[in-house]
Amino acid sequence: MAIAYDDGEITEFINEINKTVQEHPILVDKYMLGKELEVDAICDGEDVLVPGIMEHLERAGVHSGDSISVYPTQNISEEHQKKIIEYTEKIAKELNVIGVLNIQFIISAGEVYIIEVNPRSSRTVPYISKVTNLPVIELATRVILGEKLKDIGYGTGLYKKSEYIAVKMPVFSFEKIKNADTSLGPEMKSTGEVLRSIEKL
């Protein structure tokens, strides 16, 4: 992975890559300035339950595993939160997800964009389960086995907000790795994560 800062660097990188035969396509992502957010959700094929929206504190472009994450969101408008829930529901149903999925969003220039959709569990599931007291994996397992969210009793849509503000912190091992590049970017460099603080509102 390489970061290009202008068209000339893109051409230079592609020429370098093409010196060898490529088995896979070259992927080029465009960087957008904005605020990154993340959701884990449970879908039964008809309804979707979103435990909460997590807000990343680092600049856009830093890997989600390396970013400090805050729940519930502190700086996101109700309008943008509704749009994130709407997109999550549409994507989960369109992909026919039965179980859990993870979606990363960015709000850039006032618009909500989708960065990535993972139709699987993510590293944030234990975190969001703990801070919302919602048994995400149990619920996902139950819908995989055929139960419907409406019948389980936790509701659908965005789950009620916790009474706490919780912060997920990445853990780095730079001191143990000689000559490690400590700058943060799209490649994950943390070696773990911890729920650092929970504060009563």
N, C-alpha and C. Protein backbone atom coordinates (compact mmCIF):
# COMPACT_ATOMS: atom_id res chain seq x y z
N MET A 1 0.85 -1.17 0.00
CA MET A 1 0.00 0.00 0.00
C MET A 1 0.89 1.24 0.00
N ALA A 2 0.52 2.23 -0.81
CA ALA A 2 1.28 3.47 -0.87
C ALA A 2 0.32 4.64 -0.97
N ILE A 3 0.72 5.77 -0.44
CA ILE A 3 -0.11 6.98 -0.49
C ILE A 3 0.48 7.94 -1.51
N ALA A 4 -0.34 8.35 -2.47
CA ALA A 4 0.07 9.32 -3.49
C ALA A 4 -0.56 10.67 -3.19
N TYR A 5 0.23 11.70 -3.35
CA TYR A 5 -0.25 13.04 -3.02
C TYR A 5 -0.61 13.87 -4.26
N ASP A 6 -0.31 13.36 -5.45
CA ASP A 6 -0.70 14.05 -6.68
C ASP A 6 -0.76 13.04 -7.83
N ASP A 7 -1.24 13.49 -9.00
CA ASP A 7 -1.40 12.59 -10.15
C ASP A 7 -0.07 11.99 -10.60
N GLY A 8 1.00 12.78 -10.50
CA GLY A 8 2.32 12.29 -10.90
C GLY A 8 2.75 11.10 -10.07
N GLU A 9 2.51 11.15 -8.75
CA GLU A 9 2.87 10.02 -7.89
C GLU A 9 2.02 8.79 -8.18
N ILE A 10 0.75 9.00 -8.54
CA ILE A 10 -0.11 7.86 -8.90
C ILE A 10 0.48 7.14 -10.11
N THR A 11 0.84 7.92 -11.13
CA THR A 11 1.44 7.35 -12.35
C THR A 11 2.74 6.62 -12.02
N GLU A 12 3.56 7.23 -11.18
CA GLU A 12 4.84 6.62 -10.78
C GLU A 12 4.61 5.28 -10.07
N PHE A 13 3.67 5.24 -9.12
CA PHE A 13 3.38 4.01 -8.38
C PHE A 13 2.84 2.92 -9.30
N ILE A 14 1.93 3.29 -10.20
CA ILE A 14 1.33 2.30 -11.10
C ILE A 14 2.38 1.74 -12.05
N ASN A 15 3.28 2.61 -12.55
CA ASN A 15 4.36 2.13 -13.42
C ASN A 15 5.26 1.15 -12.68
N GLU A 16 5.54 1.43 -11.41
CA GLU A 16 6.38 0.55 -10.60
C GLU A 16 5.68 -0.80 -10.38
N ILE A 17 4.38 -0.75 -10.07
CA ILE A 17 3.61 -1.97 -9.83
C ILE A 17 3.56 -2.83 -11.10
N ASN A 18 3.40 -2.16 -12.24
CA ASN A 18 3.25 -2.89 -13.50
C ASN A 18 4.55 -3.45 -14.06
N LYS A 19 5.64 -3.29 -13.34
CA LYS A 19 6.89 -3.91 -13.77
C LYS A 19 6.83 -5.42 -13.63
N THR A 20 5.90 -5.89 -12.81
CA THR A 20 5.67 -7.33 -12.68
C THR A 20 4.23 -7.63 -13.10
N VAL A 21 3.99 -8.86 -13.53
CA VAL A 21 2.65 -9.26 -13.98
C VAL A 21 1.70 -9.25 -12.77
N GLN A 22 0.54 -8.61 -12.93
CA GLN A 22 -0.43 -8.49 -11.85
C GLN A 22 -1.52 -9.55 -11.97
N GLU A 23 -1.73 -10.30 -10.88
CA GLU A 23 -2.80 -11.30 -10.86
C GLU A 23 -4.12 -10.67 -10.44
N HIS A 24 -4.04 -9.53 -9.75
CA HIS A 24 -5.24 -8.86 -9.23
C HIS A 24 -5.28 -7.42 -9.71
N PRO A 25 -6.46 -6.82 -9.73
CA PRO A 25 -6.53 -5.41 -10.17
C PRO A 25 -5.85 -4.48 -9.17
N ILE A 26 -5.39 -3.34 -9.66
CA ILE A 26 -4.82 -2.31 -8.80
C ILE A 26 -5.98 -1.46 -8.26
N LEU A 27 -6.04 -1.33 -6.95
CA LEU A 27 -7.11 -0.54 -6.34
C LEU A 27 -6.58 0.84 -5.98
N VAL A 28 -7.34 1.87 -6.35
CA VAL A 28 -6.97 3.25 -6.03
C VAL A 28 -8.12 3.85 -5.24
N ASP A 29 -7.84 4.28 -4.03
CA ASP A 29 -8.84 4.92 -3.18
C ASP A 29 -8.56 6.42 -3.14
N LYS A 30 -9.62 7.22 -3.08
CA LYS A 30 -9.45 8.67 -2.97
C LYS A 30 -9.67 9.08 -1.52
N TYR A 31 -8.76 9.89 -1.01
CA TYR A 31 -8.85 10.36 0.37
C TYR A 31 -9.89 11.47 0.47
N MET A 32 -10.72 11.41 1.49
CA MET A 32 -11.72 12.45 1.75
C MET A 32 -11.53 12.98 3.16
N LEU A 33 -11.57 14.29 3.29
CA LEU A 33 -11.52 14.90 4.61
C LEU A 33 -12.86 14.72 5.28
N GLY A 34 -12.87 14.37 6.54
CA GLY A 34 -14.15 14.25 7.23
C GLY A 34 -14.05 13.48 8.52
N LYS A 35 -15.20 13.19 9.09
CA LYS A 35 -15.33 12.48 10.35
C LYS A 35 -15.75 11.04 10.07
N GLU A 36 -14.98 10.07 10.59
CA GLU A 36 -15.32 8.66 10.39
C GLU A 36 -16.20 8.15 11.53
N LEU A 37 -17.12 7.27 11.16
CA LEU A 37 -18.02 6.63 12.12
C LEU A 37 -18.13 5.16 11.78
N GLU A 38 -18.61 4.39 12.75
CA GLU A 38 -18.67 2.95 12.55
C GLU A 38 -19.90 2.39 13.25
N VAL A 39 -20.53 1.40 12.62
CA VAL A 39 -21.64 0.71 13.27
C VAL A 39 -21.48 -0.80 13.10
N ASP A 40 -21.91 -1.52 14.11
CA ASP A 40 -22.14 -2.95 14.00
C ASP A 40 -23.66 -3.09 14.03
N ALA A 41 -24.19 -4.02 13.28
CA ALA A 41 -25.64 -4.18 13.22
C ALA A 41 -26.00 -5.65 13.11
N ILE A 42 -27.23 -5.96 13.52
CA ILE A 42 -27.76 -7.32 13.42
C ILE A 42 -28.96 -7.26 12.48
N CYS A 43 -29.00 -8.18 11.53
CA CYS A 43 -30.11 -8.22 10.57
C CYS A 43 -30.68 -9.63 10.50
N ASP A 44 -32.01 -9.70 10.45
CA ASP A 44 -32.66 -11.02 10.33
C ASP A 44 -33.24 -11.23 8.93
N GLY A 45 -32.86 -10.36 7.99
CA GLY A 45 -33.39 -10.44 6.63
C GLY A 45 -34.55 -9.51 6.40
N GLU A 46 -35.23 -9.10 7.48
CA GLU A 46 -36.36 -8.18 7.38
C GLU A 46 -36.13 -6.91 8.19
N ASP A 47 -35.61 -7.06 9.39
CA ASP A 47 -35.38 -5.93 10.29
C ASP A 47 -33.92 -5.85 10.70
N VAL A 48 -33.52 -4.66 11.15
CA VAL A 48 -32.14 -4.41 11.54
C VAL A 48 -32.12 -3.75 12.92
N LEU A 49 -31.19 -4.19 13.75
CA LEU A 49 -30.96 -3.59 15.06
C LEU A 49 -29.53 -3.07 15.09
N VAL A 50 -29.38 -1.76 15.36
CA VAL A 50 -28.06 -1.12 15.45
C VAL A 50 -27.80 -0.78 16.91
N PRO A 51 -26.84 -1.46 17.56
CA PRO A 51 -26.57 -1.18 18.97
C PRO A 51 -26.17 0.26 19.24
N GLY A 52 -25.39 0.85 18.33
CA GLY A 52 -24.96 2.24 18.53
C GLY A 52 -24.05 2.69 17.41
N ILE A 53 -23.84 4.01 17.36
CA ILE A 53 -22.93 4.60 16.37
C ILE A 53 -21.67 5.03 17.11
N MET A 54 -20.52 4.58 16.63
CA MET A 54 -19.23 4.91 17.25
C MET A 54 -18.54 5.98 16.42
N GLU A 55 -17.99 6.98 17.09
CA GLU A 55 -17.33 8.10 16.43
C GLU A 55 -15.81 7.98 16.59
N HIS A 56 -15.08 8.02 15.47
CA HIS A 56 -13.62 7.96 15.53
C HIS A 56 -13.05 9.35 15.76
N LEU A 57 -12.02 9.44 16.58
CA LEU A 57 -11.42 10.74 16.89
C LEU A 57 -10.27 11.10 15.94
N GLU A 58 -9.56 10.09 15.42
CA GLU A 58 -8.45 10.38 14.52
C GLU A 58 -8.97 10.90 13.19
N ARG A 59 -8.06 11.51 12.43
CA ARG A 59 -8.41 12.02 11.09
C ARG A 59 -8.88 10.86 10.22
N ALA A 60 -9.68 11.18 9.24
CA ALA A 60 -10.11 10.17 8.28
C ALA A 60 -8.88 9.59 7.60
N GLY A 61 -8.90 8.30 7.33
CA GLY A 61 -7.77 7.65 6.69
C GLY A 61 -6.94 6.81 7.64
N VAL A 62 -7.08 7.04 8.95
CA VAL A 62 -6.41 6.20 9.93
C VAL A 62 -7.24 4.93 10.09
N HIS A 63 -6.58 3.78 10.06
CA HIS A 63 -7.28 2.49 10.17
C HIS A 63 -8.17 2.49 11.41
N SER A 64 -9.37 1.94 11.29
CA SER A 64 -10.33 1.94 12.41
C SER A 64 -9.77 1.27 13.65
N GLY A 65 -8.90 0.27 13.47
CA GLY A 65 -8.29 -0.40 14.60
C GLY A 65 -7.28 0.46 15.34
N ASP A 66 -6.79 1.51 14.69
CA ASP A 66 -5.81 2.41 15.30
C ASP A 66 -6.45 3.69 15.83
N SER A 67 -7.74 3.82 15.64
CA SER A 67 -8.43 5.05 16.02
C SER A 67 -9.08 4.95 17.39
N ILE A 68 -9.02 6.03 18.13
CA ILE A 68 -9.80 6.12 19.37
C ILE A 68 -11.25 6.26 18.95
N SER A 69 -12.13 5.53 19.61
CA SER A 69 -13.54 5.52 19.24
C SER A 69 -14.40 5.87 20.46
N VAL A 70 -15.39 6.72 20.25
CA VAL A 70 -16.25 7.18 21.34
C VAL A 70 -17.69 6.76 21.07
N TYR A 71 -18.33 6.24 22.11
CA TYR A 71 -19.76 5.90 22.05
C TYR A 71 -20.42 6.48 23.30
N PRO A 72 -21.62 7.09 23.16
CA PRO A 72 -22.29 7.45 21.91
C PRO A 72 -21.61 8.63 21.23
N THR A 73 -21.95 8.87 19.98
CA THR A 73 -21.34 9.97 19.23
C THR A 73 -21.55 11.28 19.98
N GLN A 74 -20.56 12.15 19.90
CA GLN A 74 -20.61 13.42 20.62
C GLN A 74 -20.78 14.62 19.69
N ASN A 75 -20.41 14.47 18.42
CA ASN A 75 -20.37 15.63 17.52
C ASN A 75 -21.13 15.41 16.22
N ILE A 76 -22.06 14.47 16.21
CA ILE A 76 -22.77 14.13 14.97
C ILE A 76 -24.24 14.53 15.10
N SER A 77 -24.75 15.24 14.11
CA SER A 77 -26.13 15.73 14.16
C SER A 77 -27.13 14.57 14.09
N GLU A 78 -28.33 14.82 14.57
CA GLU A 78 -29.41 13.82 14.51
C GLU A 78 -29.70 13.44 13.06
N GLU A 79 -29.64 14.43 12.18
CA GLU A 79 -29.90 14.19 10.76
C GLU A 79 -28.90 13.18 10.18
N HIS A 80 -27.62 13.36 10.50
CA HIS A 80 -26.60 12.43 10.01
C HIS A 80 -26.74 11.06 10.66
N GLN A 81 -27.09 11.02 11.92
CA GLN A 81 -27.29 9.73 12.59
C GLN A 81 -28.44 8.96 11.94
N LYS A 82 -29.53 9.67 11.62
CA LYS A 82 -30.67 9.02 10.96
C LYS A 82 -30.27 8.48 9.60
N LYS A 83 -29.45 9.23 8.87
CA LYS A 83 -28.99 8.81 7.55
C LYS A 83 -28.12 7.55 7.66
N ILE A 84 -27.27 7.50 8.69
CA ILE A 84 -26.41 6.32 8.92
C ILE A 84 -27.27 5.09 9.21
N ILE A 85 -28.30 5.25 10.03
CA ILE A 85 -29.20 4.12 10.33
C ILE A 85 -29.96 3.70 9.07
N GLU A 86 -30.43 4.67 8.30
CA GLU A 86 -31.15 4.37 7.05
C GLU A 86 -30.26 3.58 6.09
N TYR A 87 -29.02 4.04 5.90
CA TYR A 87 -28.10 3.35 5.00
C TYR A 87 -27.78 1.94 5.51
N THR A 88 -27.59 1.83 6.83
CA THR A 88 -27.27 0.52 7.42
C THR A 88 -28.40 -0.47 7.14
N GLU A 89 -29.63 -0.03 7.35
CA GLU A 89 -30.79 -0.91 7.13
C GLU A 89 -30.90 -1.32 5.66
N LYS A 90 -30.73 -0.37 4.76
CA LYS A 90 -30.83 -0.68 3.32
C LYS A 90 -29.73 -1.64 2.87
N ILE A 91 -28.50 -1.40 3.33
CA ILE A 91 -27.38 -2.24 2.92
C ILE A 91 -27.55 -3.67 3.46
N ALA A 92 -27.91 -3.79 4.74
CA ALA A 92 -28.07 -5.11 5.36
C ALA A 92 -29.13 -5.93 4.63
N LYS A 93 -30.24 -5.29 4.29
CA LYS A 93 -31.32 -6.01 3.60
C LYS A 93 -30.93 -6.34 2.17
N GLU A 94 -30.28 -5.39 1.47
CA GLU A 94 -29.90 -5.60 0.08
C GLU A 94 -28.86 -6.72 -0.04
N LEU A 95 -27.96 -6.82 0.94
CA LEU A 95 -26.95 -7.88 0.93
C LEU A 95 -27.49 -9.19 1.50
N ASN A 96 -28.75 -9.14 1.97
CA ASN A 96 -29.40 -10.32 2.54
C ASN A 96 -28.59 -10.90 3.70
N VAL A 97 -28.12 -10.00 4.57
CA VAL A 97 -27.35 -10.43 5.74
C VAL A 97 -28.29 -11.05 6.77
N ILE A 98 -27.94 -12.23 7.22
CA ILE A 98 -28.63 -12.87 8.33
C ILE A 98 -27.57 -13.07 9.40
N GLY A 99 -27.56 -12.19 10.38
CA GLY A 99 -26.52 -12.21 11.40
C GLY A 99 -26.00 -10.80 11.63
N VAL A 100 -24.67 -10.68 11.71
CA VAL A 100 -24.07 -9.39 12.07
C VAL A 100 -23.25 -8.83 10.90
N LEU A 101 -23.19 -7.50 10.82
CA LEU A 101 -22.35 -6.84 9.83
C LEU A 101 -21.75 -5.58 10.45
N ASN A 102 -20.68 -5.08 9.81
CA ASN A 102 -19.98 -3.88 10.27
C ASN A 102 -19.87 -2.93 9.08
N ILE A 103 -20.19 -1.65 9.31
CA ILE A 103 -20.09 -0.64 8.25
C ILE A 103 -19.32 0.56 8.78
N GLN A 104 -18.40 1.07 7.95
CA GLN A 104 -17.67 2.29 8.28
C GLN A 104 -18.13 3.40 7.35
N PHE A 105 -18.40 4.56 7.94
CA PHE A 105 -18.91 5.72 7.22
C PHE A 105 -17.96 6.89 7.36
N ILE A 106 -18.12 7.89 6.49
CA ILE A 106 -17.46 9.17 6.67
C ILE A 106 -18.47 10.27 6.37
N ILE A 107 -18.44 11.32 7.18
CA ILE A 107 -19.22 12.52 6.88
C ILE A 107 -18.23 13.53 6.33
N SER A 108 -18.40 13.88 5.06
CA SER A 108 -17.50 14.80 4.38
C SER A 108 -18.33 15.86 3.66
N ALA A 109 -18.00 17.12 3.91
CA ALA A 109 -18.72 18.25 3.29
C ALA A 109 -20.23 18.12 3.50
N GLY A 110 -20.63 17.65 4.69
CA GLY A 110 -22.04 17.58 5.04
C GLY A 110 -22.79 16.37 4.52
N GLU A 111 -22.10 15.49 3.79
CA GLU A 111 -22.74 14.30 3.22
C GLU A 111 -22.21 13.04 3.89
N VAL A 112 -23.07 12.03 4.00
CA VAL A 112 -22.68 10.73 4.56
C VAL A 112 -22.29 9.80 3.41
N TYR A 113 -21.07 9.24 3.50
CA TYR A 113 -20.57 8.29 2.50
C TYR A 113 -20.22 6.98 3.21
N ILE A 114 -20.26 5.90 2.43
CA ILE A 114 -19.89 4.58 2.94
C ILE A 114 -18.46 4.30 2.52
N ILE A 115 -17.62 3.95 3.50
CA ILE A 115 -16.23 3.59 3.21
C ILE A 115 -16.13 2.09 2.94
N GLU A 116 -16.74 1.31 3.81
CA GLU A 116 -16.52 -0.14 3.76
C GLU A 116 -17.67 -0.87 4.43
N VAL A 117 -18.06 -2.01 3.86
CA VAL A 117 -19.08 -2.87 4.46
C VAL A 117 -18.49 -4.25 4.64
N ASN A 118 -18.56 -4.77 5.85
CA ASN A 118 -18.05 -6.11 6.16
C ASN A 118 -19.22 -6.97 6.66
N PRO A 119 -19.68 -7.94 5.85
CA PRO A 119 -20.80 -8.79 6.29
C PRO A 119 -20.33 -9.87 7.26
N ARG A 120 -19.79 -9.42 8.38
CA ARG A 120 -19.24 -10.32 9.41
C ARG A 120 -19.11 -9.54 10.70
N SER A 121 -18.75 -10.24 11.74
CA SER A 121 -18.47 -9.60 13.02
C SER A 121 -17.16 -8.84 12.94
N SER A 122 -17.01 -7.79 13.75
CA SER A 122 -15.78 -7.00 13.75
C SER A 122 -15.21 -6.94 15.16
N ARG A 123 -14.02 -6.34 15.27
CA ARG A 123 -13.37 -6.23 16.59
C ARG A 123 -14.14 -5.32 17.53
N THR A 124 -15.08 -4.51 17.03
CA THR A 124 -15.82 -3.58 17.89
C THR A 124 -17.05 -4.22 18.54
N VAL A 125 -17.39 -5.45 18.15
CA VAL A 125 -18.57 -6.10 18.73
C VAL A 125 -18.47 -6.27 20.25
N PRO A 126 -17.35 -6.75 20.80
CA PRO A 126 -17.29 -6.86 22.27
C PRO A 126 -17.43 -5.50 22.96
N TYR A 127 -16.84 -4.47 22.34
CA TYR A 127 -16.90 -3.11 22.88
C TYR A 127 -18.34 -2.58 22.91
N ILE A 128 -19.03 -2.65 21.77
CA ILE A 128 -20.39 -2.10 21.71
C ILE A 128 -21.35 -2.95 22.54
N SER A 129 -21.09 -4.26 22.65
CA SER A 129 -21.92 -5.12 23.50
C SER A 129 -21.80 -4.70 24.96
N LYS A 130 -20.57 -4.46 25.39
CA LYS A 130 -20.33 -4.11 26.80
C LYS A 130 -20.95 -2.77 27.16
N VAL A 131 -20.76 -1.76 26.29
CA VAL A 131 -21.20 -0.41 26.66
C VAL A 131 -22.71 -0.21 26.50
N THR A 132 -23.37 -1.05 25.70
CA THR A 132 -24.82 -0.94 25.55
C THR A 132 -25.58 -2.00 26.35
N ASN A 133 -24.85 -2.99 26.86
CA ASN A 133 -25.45 -4.12 27.57
C ASN A 133 -26.38 -4.92 26.65
N LEU A 134 -26.02 -4.92 25.37
CA LEU A 134 -26.79 -5.65 24.36
C LEU A 134 -25.97 -6.87 23.92
N PRO A 135 -26.48 -8.10 24.09
CA PRO A 135 -25.71 -9.30 23.74
C PRO A 135 -25.69 -9.53 22.22
N VAL A 136 -24.84 -8.78 21.52
CA VAL A 136 -24.83 -8.76 20.06
C VAL A 136 -24.63 -10.15 19.47
N ILE A 137 -23.63 -10.90 19.94
CA ILE A 137 -23.35 -12.22 19.37
C ILE A 137 -24.49 -13.20 19.64
N GLU A 138 -25.06 -13.15 20.84
CA GLU A 138 -26.20 -14.02 21.14
C GLU A 138 -27.37 -13.72 20.20
N LEU A 139 -27.67 -12.42 20.02
CA LEU A 139 -28.78 -12.03 19.14
C LEU A 139 -28.51 -12.44 17.70
N ALA A 140 -27.28 -12.21 17.24
CA ALA A 140 -26.92 -12.59 15.87
C ALA A 140 -27.06 -14.10 15.67
N THR A 141 -26.63 -14.86 16.66
CA THR A 141 -26.74 -16.33 16.58
C THR A 141 -28.20 -16.76 16.52
N ARG A 142 -29.02 -16.11 17.32
CA ARG A 142 -30.45 -16.46 17.34
C ARG A 142 -31.12 -16.16 16.00
N VAL A 143 -30.76 -15.04 15.36
CA VAL A 143 -31.38 -14.75 14.06
C VAL A 143 -30.81 -15.67 12.98
N ILE A 144 -29.55 -16.06 13.10
CA ILE A 144 -28.98 -17.03 12.15
C ILE A 144 -29.74 -18.35 12.24
N LEU A 145 -30.18 -18.69 13.46
CA LEU A 145 -30.93 -19.94 13.67
C LEU A 145 -32.42 -19.80 13.38
N GLY A 146 -32.84 -18.62 12.89
CA GLY A 146 -34.22 -18.48 12.41
C GLY A 146 -35.14 -17.57 13.19
N GLU A 147 -34.73 -17.06 14.34
CA GLU A 147 -35.60 -16.15 15.10
C GLU A 147 -35.64 -14.78 14.44
N LYS A 148 -36.68 -14.02 14.75
CA LYS A 148 -36.84 -12.66 14.22
C LYS A 148 -36.57 -11.65 15.33
N LEU A 149 -35.93 -10.54 14.97
CA LEU A 149 -35.60 -9.50 15.95
C LEU A 149 -36.83 -9.00 16.68
N LYS A 150 -37.94 -8.85 15.97
CA LYS A 150 -39.18 -8.35 16.59
C LYS A 150 -39.67 -9.25 17.72
N ASP A 151 -39.32 -10.54 17.64
CA ASP A 151 -39.79 -11.49 18.64
C ASP A 151 -38.82 -11.65 19.82
N ILE A 152 -37.61 -11.15 19.67
CA ILE A 152 -36.59 -11.36 20.71
C ILE A 152 -36.72 -10.36 21.85
N GLY A 153 -37.19 -9.14 21.56
CA GLY A 153 -37.48 -8.21 22.66
C GLY A 153 -36.55 -7.02 22.83
N TYR A 154 -35.56 -6.86 21.94
CA TYR A 154 -34.65 -5.70 22.05
C TYR A 154 -35.01 -4.58 21.09
N GLY A 155 -36.02 -4.81 20.27
CA GLY A 155 -36.46 -3.79 19.32
C GLY A 155 -35.66 -3.83 18.03
N THR A 156 -35.93 -2.84 17.16
CA THR A 156 -35.22 -2.69 15.89
C THR A 156 -34.84 -1.23 15.72
N GLY A 157 -34.08 -0.95 14.66
CA GLY A 157 -33.58 0.42 14.46
C GLY A 157 -32.41 0.69 15.39
N LEU A 158 -32.22 1.95 15.76
CA LEU A 158 -31.12 2.33 16.66
C LEU A 158 -31.52 2.03 18.10
N TYR A 159 -30.70 1.24 18.78
CA TYR A 159 -30.94 0.87 20.17
C TYR A 159 -30.80 2.09 21.07
N LYS A 160 -31.50 2.07 22.20
CA LYS A 160 -31.44 3.20 23.13
C LYS A 160 -30.00 3.48 23.57
N LYS A 161 -29.68 4.77 23.74
CA LYS A 161 -28.32 5.16 24.14
C LYS A 161 -28.04 4.74 25.57
N SER A 162 -26.79 4.38 25.80
CA SER A 162 -26.32 4.04 27.13
C SER A 162 -26.28 5.29 28.01
N GLU A 163 -26.25 5.10 29.31
CA GLU A 163 -26.11 6.23 30.24
C GLU A 163 -24.65 6.63 30.40
N TYR A 164 -23.77 5.98 29.66
CA TYR A 164 -22.33 6.21 29.80
C TYR A 164 -21.72 6.73 28.51
N ILE A 165 -20.59 7.40 28.65
CA ILE A 165 -19.73 7.70 27.51
C ILE A 165 -18.56 6.73 27.63
N ALA A 166 -18.30 5.97 26.59
CA ALA A 166 -17.23 4.98 26.62
C ALA A 166 -16.20 5.30 25.55
N VAL A 167 -14.94 5.03 25.85
CA VAL A 167 -13.84 5.31 24.92
C VAL A 167 -13.04 4.04 24.67
N LYS A 168 -12.92 3.66 23.41
CA LYS A 168 -12.10 2.51 23.01
C LYS A 168 -10.74 3.05 22.56
N MET A 169 -9.67 2.53 23.17
CA MET A 169 -8.32 3.01 22.87
C MET A 169 -7.51 1.90 22.21
N PRO A 170 -6.75 2.24 21.15
CA PRO A 170 -5.84 1.23 20.58
C PRO A 170 -4.61 1.07 21.47
N VAL A 171 -3.99 -0.10 21.40
CA VAL A 171 -2.76 -0.39 22.13
C VAL A 171 -1.67 -0.64 21.09
N PHE A 172 -0.55 0.06 21.23
CA PHE A 172 0.56 -0.09 20.29
C PHE A 172 1.76 -0.73 20.97
N SER A 173 2.59 -1.39 20.18
CA SER A 173 3.80 -2.04 20.71
C SER A 173 5.05 -1.46 20.06
N PHE A 174 5.02 -0.16 19.75
CA PHE A 174 6.15 0.46 19.05
C PHE A 174 7.46 0.34 19.82
N GLU A 175 7.40 0.36 21.15
CA GLU A 175 8.63 0.28 21.95
C GLU A 175 9.32 -1.07 21.80
N LYS A 176 8.54 -2.11 21.46
CA LYS A 176 9.09 -3.46 21.35
C LYS A 176 9.56 -3.78 19.93
N ILE A 177 9.18 -2.95 18.95
CA ILE A 177 9.50 -3.23 17.55
C ILE A 177 10.52 -2.20 17.07
N LYS A 178 11.73 -2.66 16.79
CA LYS A 178 12.81 -1.77 16.38
C LYS A 178 12.50 -1.11 15.04
N ASN A 179 12.79 0.18 14.96
CA ASN A 179 12.66 0.97 13.71
C ASN A 179 11.24 0.95 13.14
N ALA A 180 10.25 0.80 14.00
CA ALA A 180 8.85 0.79 13.53
C ALA A 180 8.44 2.20 13.11
N ASP A 181 7.68 2.26 12.01
CA ASP A 181 7.12 3.54 11.57
C ASP A 181 5.90 3.82 12.43
N THR A 182 5.96 4.87 13.25
CA THR A 182 4.88 5.13 14.21
C THR A 182 3.78 6.02 13.65
N SER A 183 3.91 6.47 12.41
CA SER A 183 2.85 7.31 11.83
C SER A 183 1.63 6.45 11.52
N LEU A 184 0.45 7.00 11.75
CA LEU A 184 -0.79 6.25 11.54
C LEU A 184 -1.36 6.53 10.16
N GLY A 185 -1.88 5.48 9.53
CA GLY A 185 -2.45 5.60 8.20
C GLY A 185 -3.43 4.48 7.95
N PRO A 186 -3.61 4.08 6.68
CA PRO A 186 -4.63 3.07 6.35
C PRO A 186 -4.28 1.64 6.76
N GLU A 187 -3.01 1.37 7.06
CA GLU A 187 -2.63 0.02 7.51
C GLU A 187 -2.67 -0.04 9.03
N MET A 188 -3.28 -1.08 9.57
CA MET A 188 -3.43 -1.20 11.02
C MET A 188 -2.08 -1.50 11.68
N LYS A 189 -1.75 -0.74 12.73
CA LYS A 189 -0.48 -0.92 13.44
C LYS A 189 -0.67 -1.26 14.91
N SER A 190 -1.89 -1.12 15.42
CA SER A 190 -2.11 -1.45 16.83
C SER A 190 -2.08 -2.96 17.02
N THR A 191 -1.75 -3.38 18.23
CA THR A 191 -1.68 -4.81 18.54
C THR A 191 -2.78 -5.22 19.51
N GLY A 192 -3.70 -4.32 19.76
CA GLY A 192 -4.82 -4.63 20.65
C GLY A 192 -5.65 -3.39 20.89
N GLU A 193 -6.73 -3.56 21.62
CA GLU A 193 -7.61 -2.45 21.96
C GLU A 193 -8.12 -2.65 23.38
N VAL A 194 -8.46 -1.57 24.02
CA VAL A 194 -8.94 -1.66 25.40
C VAL A 194 -10.03 -0.62 25.62
N LEU A 195 -11.01 -0.98 26.44
CA LEU A 195 -12.05 -0.03 26.85
C LEU A 195 -11.44 0.77 27.99
N ARG A 196 -10.99 1.97 27.70
CA ARG A 196 -10.14 2.74 28.59
C ARG A 196 -10.91 3.42 29.71
N SER A 197 -12.06 3.99 29.40
CA SER A 197 -12.78 4.70 30.47
C SER A 197 -14.27 4.71 30.19
N ILE A 198 -15.04 4.60 31.25
CA ILE A 198 -16.49 4.71 31.16
C ILE A 198 -16.88 5.76 32.18
N GLU A 199 -17.63 6.72 31.72
CA GLU A 199 -17.94 7.88 32.56
C GLU A 199 -19.44 8.08 32.66
N LYS A 200 -19.95 8.29 33.82
CA LYS A 200 -21.38 8.54 33.99
C LYS A 200 -21.73 9.90 33.42
N LEU A 201 -22.79 9.98 32.65
CA LEU A 201 -23.21 11.28 32.09
C LEU A 201 -23.78 12.19 33.16
